[in-house]
Amino acid sequence: MKDWPLYEIFIRSKNGLSHKHVGSLHAADAEMAIENARDVYTRRMEGVSIWVVDSREITASNPAEQDALFDPAESKIYRHPTFYDVPEEVRHM
């Protein structure tokens, strides 16, 4: 079992629009990871969809480099449209 890869588990709830990371588990393959994730993370009918991602396939930014990565966005106010009025009819924005 220690040779089994680590999978990151994402569940989309009945109410939600997007998958949320709920945890990690080891499994022999992706199919086993889905089955185990169902048993571990959706015991109370919490989900309608499960994604499993081999942790080795995830590339992440380094938190120590956050200033260089995120500071350039500060000068681009159009990326942060907080000055627009959003109509009530528009949901999940």
C-alpha atoms as a PDB file:
ATOM      1  CA  MET A   1       0.000   0.000   0.000  1.00  0.00           C
ATOM      2  CA  LYS A   2       2.867   2.419   0.584  1.00  0.00           C
ATOM      3  CA  ASP A   3       3.603   2.226  -3.154  1.00  0.00           C
ATOM      4  CA  TRP A   4       0.078   3.323  -4.058  1.00  0.00           C
ATOM      5  CA  PRO A   5      -0.099   6.874  -5.378  1.00  0.00           C
ATOM      6  CA  LEU A   6      -1.777   9.660  -3.440  1.00  0.00           C
ATOM      7  CA  TYR A   7      -4.973  11.056  -4.969  1.00  0.00           C
ATOM      8  CA  GLU A   8      -6.554  14.420  -4.221  1.00  0.00           C
ATOM      9  CA  ILE A   9     -10.326  14.166  -3.920  1.00  0.00           C
ATOM     10  CA  PHE A  10     -12.832  16.776  -5.111  1.00  0.00           C
ATOM     11  CA  ILE A  11     -16.603  16.494  -4.518  1.00  0.00           C
ATOM     12  CA  ARG A  12     -19.390  18.496  -6.108  1.00  0.00           C
ATOM     13  CA  SER A  13     -22.258  18.748  -3.655  1.00  0.00           C
ATOM     14  CA  LYS A  14     -25.910  18.685  -4.608  1.00  0.00           C
ATOM     15  CA  ASN A  15     -26.187  22.400  -3.910  1.00  0.00           C
ATOM     16  CA  GLY A  16     -22.840  23.473  -5.269  1.00  0.00           C
ATOM     17  CA  LEU A  17     -21.740  24.497  -8.721  1.00  0.00           C
ATOM     18  CA  SER A  18     -18.097  23.595  -8.376  1.00  0.00           C
ATOM     19  CA  HIS A  19     -16.055  20.722  -7.022  1.00  0.00           C
ATOM     20  CA  LYS A  20     -14.379  21.339  -3.663  1.00  0.00           C
ATOM     21  CA  HIS A  21     -11.256  19.673  -2.339  1.00  0.00           C
ATOM     22  CA  VAL A  22     -12.248  17.404   0.537  1.00  0.00           C
ATOM     23  CA  GLY A  23      -9.110  15.408   1.215  1.00  0.00           C
ATOM     24  CA  SER A  24      -6.603  12.866  -0.040  1.00  0.00           C
ATOM     25  CA  LEU A  25      -6.275   9.106  -0.107  1.00  0.00           C
ATOM     26  CA  HIS A  26      -3.983   6.383  -1.423  1.00  0.00           C
ATOM     27  CA  ALA A  27      -5.292   3.951  -4.028  1.00  0.00           C
ATOM     28  CA  ALA A  28      -3.903   1.481  -6.544  1.00  0.00           C
ATOM     29  CA  ASP A  29      -5.510   3.344  -9.466  1.00  0.00           C
ATOM     30  CA  ALA A  30      -8.015   6.096 -10.282  1.00  0.00           C
ATOM     31  CA  GLU A  31     -11.009   3.748 -10.309  1.00  0.00           C
ATOM     32  CA  MET A  32     -10.183   2.504  -6.826  1.00  0.00           C
ATOM     33  CA  ALA A  33      -9.670   6.102  -5.718  1.00  0.00           C
ATOM     34  CA  ILE A  34     -13.198   7.002  -6.894  1.00  0.00           C
ATOM     35  CA  GLU A  35     -14.697   4.012  -5.081  1.00  0.00           C
ATOM     36  CA  ASN A  36     -12.780   4.756  -1.884  1.00  0.00           C
ATOM     37  CA  ALA A  37     -13.606   8.461  -2.103  1.00  0.00           C
ATOM     38  CA  ARG A  38     -17.296   7.585  -2.414  1.00  0.00           C
ATOM     39  CA  ASP A  39     -17.062   5.438   0.725  1.00  0.00           C
ATOM     40  CA  VAL A  40     -15.006   7.928   2.735  1.00  0.00           C
ATOM     41  CA  TYR A  41     -16.286  11.350   1.637  1.00  0.00           C
ATOM     42  CA  THR A  42     -19.922  10.849   0.546  1.00  0.00           C
ATOM     43  CA  ARG A  43     -21.341   8.559   3.229  1.00  0.00           C
ATOM     44  CA  ARG A  44     -24.302  10.873   3.807  1.00  0.00           C
ATOM     45  CA  MET A  45     -25.219  11.455   0.141  1.00  0.00           C
ATOM     46  CA  GLU A  46     -23.246  14.730   0.053  1.00  0.00           C
ATOM     47  CA  GLY A  47     -22.175  14.589  -3.549  1.00  0.00           C
ATOM     48  CA  VAL A  48     -23.259  14.208  -7.137  1.00  0.00           C
ATOM     49  CA  SER A  49     -19.800  14.054  -8.715  1.00  0.00           C
ATOM     50  CA  ILE A  50     -16.322  12.929  -7.646  1.00  0.00           C
ATOM     51  CA  TRP A  51     -13.035  13.953  -9.218  1.00  0.00           C
ATOM     52  CA  VAL A  52      -9.787  12.203  -8.310  1.00  0.00           C
ATOM     53  CA  VAL A  53      -6.433  13.642  -9.343  1.00  0.00           C
ATOM     54  CA  ASP A  54      -3.097  11.912  -8.939  1.00  0.00           C
ATOM     55  CA  SER A  55      -1.143  14.265  -6.666  1.00  0.00           C
ATOM     56  CA  ARG A  56       1.929  13.872  -8.854  1.00  0.00           C
ATOM     57  CA  GLU A  57       0.023  15.594 -11.674  1.00  0.00           C
ATOM     58  CA  ILE A  58      -0.599  18.772  -9.672  1.00  0.00           C
ATOM     59  CA  THR A  59       1.719  21.700 -10.182  1.00  0.00           C
ATOM     60  CA  ALA A  60       1.421  24.375  -7.529  1.00  0.00           C
ATOM     61  CA  SER A  61       2.853  27.816  -6.991  1.00  0.00           C
ATOM     62  CA  ASN A  62       5.277  28.397  -4.153  1.00  0.00           C
ATOM     63  CA  PRO A  63       3.671  30.450  -1.332  1.00  0.00           C
ATOM     64  CA  ALA A  64       7.054  32.081  -0.717  1.00  0.00           C
ATOM     65  CA  GLU A  65       6.848  33.603  -4.212  1.00  0.00           C
ATOM     66  CA  GLN A  66       3.336  35.019  -3.832  1.00  0.00           C
ATOM     67  CA  ASP A  67       4.440  38.657  -4.121  1.00  0.00           C
ATOM     68  CA  ALA A  68       6.037  38.182  -7.529  1.00  0.00           C
ATOM     69  CA  LEU A  69       3.165  36.038  -8.742  1.00  0.00           C
ATOM     70  CA  PHE A  70       0.176  38.071  -7.542  1.00  0.00           C
ATOM     71  CA  ASP A  71       1.360  41.694  -7.262  1.00  0.00           C
ATOM     72  CA  PRO A  72       1.076  42.469 -10.990  1.00  0.00           C
ATOM     73  CA  ALA A  73      -2.704  41.980 -10.724  1.00  0.00           C
ATOM     74  CA  GLU A  74      -2.956  44.994  -8.392  1.00  0.00           C
ATOM     75  CA  SER A  75      -2.392  47.406 -11.296  1.00  0.00           C
ATOM     76  CA  LYS A  76      -5.110  45.827 -13.460  1.00  0.00           C
ATOM     77  CA  ILE A  77      -8.318  47.047 -11.866  1.00  0.00           C
ATOM     78  CA  TYR A  78     -10.398  45.657 -14.723  1.00  0.00           C
ATOM     79  CA  ARG A  79      -9.669  42.193 -13.307  1.00  0.00           C
ATOM     80  CA  HIS A  80     -11.481  43.180 -10.122  1.00  0.00           C
ATOM     81  CA  PRO A  81     -14.848  44.519 -11.300  1.00  0.00           C
ATOM     82  CA  THR A  82     -16.006  45.581  -7.849  1.00  0.00           C
ATOM     83  CA  PHE A  83     -17.356  48.867  -9.198  1.00  0.00           C
ATOM     84  CA  TYR A  84     -20.095  47.185 -11.297  1.00  0.00           C
ATOM     85  CA  ASP A  85     -23.631  46.764 -10.035  1.00  0.00           C
ATOM     86  CA  VAL A  86     -24.723  43.130 -10.367  1.00  0.00           C
ATOM     87  CA  PRO A  87     -28.458  42.663 -11.003  1.00  0.00           C
ATOM     88  CA  GLU A  88     -30.375  40.453  -8.569  1.00  0.00           C
ATOM     89  CA  GLU A  89     -31.265  38.073 -11.422  1.00  0.00           C
ATOM     90  CA  VAL A  90     -27.612  37.144 -11.820  1.00  0.00           C
ATOM     91  CA  ARG A  91     -26.766  34.357  -9.426  1.00  0.00           C
ATOM     92  CA  HIS A  92     -23.533  32.562  -8.440  1.00  0.00           C
ATOM     93  CA  MET A  93     -21.209  35.300  -9.537  1.00  0.00           C
END
